[in-house]
């Protein structure tokens, strides 16, 4: 179910100074756009924004100054990546298809890791296209079979029905790097050497 978000209309003053003043009152500027309708300049409380972040909400039900279903399309953070400075909301119909970024959950310990390899998460999310009503919280990738020097690609993700991968399938999302100095014929003995260390 979409998270309910209370919004207020912003007064006529827009721009950087007005946005700064708004943030000092504990609110964050937002803009609602799309569906060939005019842009709505809104404000959302900082606490509500924190809830959206905590729940990784993609679709929200706007109430208050406007009543709309919207996609959280962009969050602009301060240079330290802590405070949300602005939020972009896109009007959606729950059955229309949208393109969104979804986090990847890596499950298991890679086989190559047990041989001294270094597991590297090359991508933490991928872009998908799906109906707004069917946006998943995350996509799982089981990595237990990833050996030394092996990769897993975006195309290895198992996608639920009605979901299409937008990120190129050959994008490496996970890799187990061989330790420096380990030669091909030494890989078999790497586990024993690791036990001695």
Protein backbone atom coordinates (compact mmCIF):
# COMPACT_ATOMS: atom_id res chain seq x y z
CA UNK A 1 0.00 0.00 0.00
CA UNK A 2 1.25 3.48 -0.84
CA UNK A 3 2.39 5.67 2.02
CA UNK A 4 0.07 8.62 2.74
CA UNK A 5 1.90 11.95 2.61
CA UNK A 6 0.42 15.25 3.77
CA UNK A 7 1.39 18.18 1.55
CA UNK A 8 0.89 21.94 1.73
CA UNK A 9 0.94 24.47 -1.08
CA UNK A 10 3.95 26.75 -1.13
CA UNK A 11 3.25 30.47 -1.30
CA UNK A 12 4.18 32.46 -4.40
CA UNK A 13 7.84 32.89 -3.45
CA UNK A 14 10.09 30.29 -5.07
CA UNK A 15 13.84 30.05 -5.55
CA UNK A 16 16.87 29.26 -3.39
CA UNK A 17 16.26 31.83 -0.63
CA UNK A 18 12.59 30.84 -0.27
CA UNK A 19 13.54 27.14 -0.18
CA UNK A 20 16.12 27.85 2.54
CA UNK A 21 13.49 29.69 4.60
CA UNK A 22 11.07 26.78 4.14
CA UNK A 23 13.66 24.23 5.32
CA UNK A 24 14.28 26.33 8.47
CA UNK A 25 10.62 25.74 9.40
CA UNK A 26 11.13 21.95 9.24
CA UNK A 27 9.65 21.52 5.75
CA UNK A 28 11.11 20.44 2.43
CA UNK A 29 10.19 21.99 -0.93
CA UNK A 30 8.63 19.62 -3.46
CA UNK A 31 7.32 19.83 -7.00
CA UNK A 32 4.57 17.65 -8.47
CA UNK A 33 4.50 17.30 -12.26
CA UNK A 34 3.37 15.02 -15.08
CA UNK A 35 0.25 13.82 -16.91
CA UNK A 36 0.27 17.02 -18.99
CA UNK A 37 -0.92 19.02 -15.98
CA UNK A 38 0.72 22.11 -14.51
CA UNK A 39 3.44 21.85 -11.90
CA UNK A 40 2.35 22.13 -8.27
CA UNK A 41 4.85 23.68 -5.85
CA UNK A 42 4.39 21.96 -2.50
CA UNK A 43 6.04 21.47 0.86
CA UNK A 44 6.35 18.29 2.93
CA UNK A 45 7.42 18.04 6.55
CA UNK A 46 10.97 16.84 7.25
CA UNK A 47 9.56 14.03 9.45
CA UNK A 48 7.46 12.77 6.54
CA UNK A 49 10.51 12.83 4.25
CA UNK A 50 12.42 10.78 6.83
CA UNK A 51 9.57 8.25 6.84
CA UNK A 52 9.67 8.03 3.02
CA UNK A 53 13.42 7.35 3.18
CA UNK A 54 13.08 4.84 6.01
CA UNK A 55 10.40 2.84 4.19
CA UNK A 56 12.08 3.26 0.76
CA UNK A 57 8.66 4.42 -0.50
CA UNK A 58 8.45 4.73 -4.28
CA UNK A 59 4.72 5.43 -4.60
CA UNK A 60 2.98 7.87 -2.24
CA UNK A 61 -0.62 9.06 -1.83
CA UNK A 62 -0.60 12.86 -1.56
CA UNK A 63 -3.26 14.39 0.65
CA UNK A 64 -3.95 17.90 1.83
CA UNK A 65 -3.34 20.64 -0.71
CA UNK A 66 -3.65 18.06 -3.54
CA UNK A 67 -5.00 14.52 -3.78
CA UNK A 68 -2.83 12.54 -6.19
CA UNK A 69 -0.92 9.29 -6.48
CA UNK A 70 2.73 10.12 -7.17
CA UNK A 71 6.06 8.47 -7.82
CA UNK A 72 9.03 9.72 -5.78
CA UNK A 73 11.16 10.40 -8.84
CA UNK A 74 14.09 12.29 -7.34
CA UNK A 75 15.51 13.34 -3.99
CA UNK A 76 18.17 16.03 -3.91
CA UNK A 77 20.51 15.86 -0.90
CA UNK A 78 22.95 18.32 0.62
CA UNK A 79 26.67 17.84 -0.26
CA UNK A 80 27.11 15.47 2.72
CA UNK A 81 24.19 13.32 1.57
CA UNK A 82 22.36 13.76 4.88
CA UNK A 83 19.64 16.37 4.49
CA UNK A 84 17.03 16.26 1.73
CA UNK A 85 16.93 19.67 0.03
CA UNK A 86 14.20 19.01 -2.54
CA UNK A 87 11.87 16.23 -3.69
CA UNK A 88 10.43 15.66 -7.17
CA UNK A 89 7.08 13.87 -7.43
CA UNK A 90 5.59 12.55 -10.66
CA UNK A 91 1.84 11.98 -11.07
CA UNK A 92 1.07 8.33 -11.85
CA UNK A 93 -1.81 5.99 -12.41
CA UNK A 94 -1.26 2.80 -10.39
CA UNK A 95 -1.53 0.66 -13.55
CA UNK A 96 0.75 2.74 -15.74
CA UNK A 97 4.33 1.60 -16.28
CA UNK A 98 7.10 3.57 -14.62
CA UNK A 99 10.90 3.36 -14.65
CA UNK A 100 12.41 3.24 -11.16
CA UNK A 101 15.66 2.29 -9.40
CA UNK A 102 15.36 -0.68 -7.05
CA UNK A 103 18.03 -1.87 -4.57
CA UNK A 104 19.71 -5.27 -4.95
CA UNK A 105 19.91 -7.59 -1.94
CA UNK A 106 22.91 -9.90 -2.15
CA UNK A 107 22.28 -13.18 -0.31
CA UNK A 108 24.83 -15.76 0.83
CA UNK A 109 28.58 -16.04 1.10
CA UNK A 110 30.40 -16.48 -2.23
CA UNK A 111 32.42 -19.65 -2.80
CA UNK A 112 35.33 -17.48 -3.95
CA UNK A 113 35.26 -15.60 -0.66
CA UNK A 114 36.06 -18.82 1.19
CA UNK A 115 39.18 -19.13 -0.98
CA UNK A 116 40.46 -15.71 0.01
CA UNK A 117 38.71 -13.73 -2.72
CA UNK A 118 37.36 -10.23 -2.12
CA UNK A 119 33.62 -9.79 -2.76
CA UNK A 120 32.78 -6.50 -4.48
CA UNK A 121 29.25 -5.16 -4.88
CA UNK A 122 29.68 -3.27 -8.16
CA UNK A 123 26.10 -1.95 -8.19
CA UNK A 124 23.66 -1.49 -5.33
CA UNK A 125 20.59 -0.94 -7.51
CA UNK A 126 19.24 -1.43 -11.01
CA UNK A 127 16.63 0.34 -13.09
CA UNK A 128 13.46 -1.54 -13.95
CA UNK A 129 10.18 -0.82 -15.72
CA UNK A 130 6.95 -2.09 -14.22
CA UNK A 131 3.39 -1.06 -13.32
CA UNK A 132 3.45 1.52 -10.51
CA UNK A 133 1.39 -0.84 -8.36
CA UNK A 134 4.01 -3.62 -8.68
CA UNK A 135 7.25 -1.86 -7.72
CA UNK A 136 9.26 -4.33 -5.58
CA UNK A 137 11.09 -3.18 -2.43
CA UNK A 138 14.25 -4.91 -3.67
CA UNK A 139 15.55 -7.64 -5.98
CA UNK A 140 17.47 -10.61 -4.56
CA UNK A 141 20.61 -12.14 -6.00
CA UNK A 142 21.98 -15.33 -4.45
CA UNK A 143 25.80 -15.20 -4.69
CA UNK A 144 26.84 -18.46 -2.98
CA UNK A 145 28.05 -20.00 -6.25
CA UNK A 146 30.26 -17.04 -7.29
CA UNK A 147 33.86 -18.31 -7.53
CA UNK A 148 37.21 -16.55 -7.70
CA UNK A 149 37.27 -14.11 -10.60
CA UNK A 150 33.57 -14.69 -11.35
CA UNK A 151 30.97 -12.01 -12.03
CA UNK A 152 27.23 -11.76 -11.74
CA UNK A 153 25.38 -9.50 -14.14
CA UNK A 154 22.18 -7.49 -14.01
CA UNK A 155 20.68 -10.16 -16.30
CA UNK A 156 21.24 -12.75 -13.51
CA UNK A 157 18.59 -11.09 -11.35
CA UNK A 158 15.34 -13.05 -11.19
CA UNK A 159 12.60 -10.57 -12.02
CA UNK A 160 8.98 -10.96 -10.90
CA UNK A 161 6.25 -11.05 -13.53
CA UNK A 162 5.48 -7.77 -15.33
CA UNK A 163 8.94 -6.36 -14.54
CA UNK A 164 11.46 -5.53 -17.27
CA UNK A 165 15.13 -4.75 -16.70
CA UNK A 166 16.14 -1.30 -18.00
CA UNK A 167 19.77 -1.42 -16.81
CA UNK A 168 21.85 -3.18 -19.55
CA UNK A 169 21.92 -6.91 -18.85
CA UNK A 170 25.73 -7.08 -19.19
CA UNK A 171 26.23 -4.61 -16.31
CA UNK A 172 28.39 -6.30 -13.65
CA UNK A 173 26.63 -6.03 -10.29
CA UNK A 174 28.80 -8.42 -8.24
CA UNK A 175 32.37 -9.71 -8.54
CA UNK A 176 34.78 -11.82 -6.50
CA UNK A 177 38.32 -10.57 -7.02
CA UNK A 178 41.26 -12.93 -6.82
CA UNK A 179 43.79 -12.05 -4.12
CA UNK A 180 46.94 -10.47 -5.54
CA UNK A 181 49.67 -13.00 -6.29
CA UNK A 182 47.32 -15.99 -6.43
CA UNK A 183 47.99 -17.99 -9.60
CA UNK A 184 45.52 -20.29 -11.32
CA UNK A 185 47.24 -23.48 -10.08
CA UNK A 186 47.41 -22.15 -6.52
CA UNK A 187 43.67 -21.60 -6.21
CA UNK A 188 43.05 -25.16 -5.04
CA UNK A 189 45.48 -24.72 -2.14
CA UNK A 190 44.26 -21.26 -1.16
CA UNK A 191 41.84 -22.62 1.41
CA UNK A 192 44.55 -24.62 3.19
CA UNK A 193 46.89 -21.61 3.20
CA UNK A 194 44.12 -19.49 4.66
CA UNK A 195 43.67 -21.99 7.52
CA UNK A 196 47.37 -21.77 8.39
CA UNK A 197 47.38 -17.96 8.50
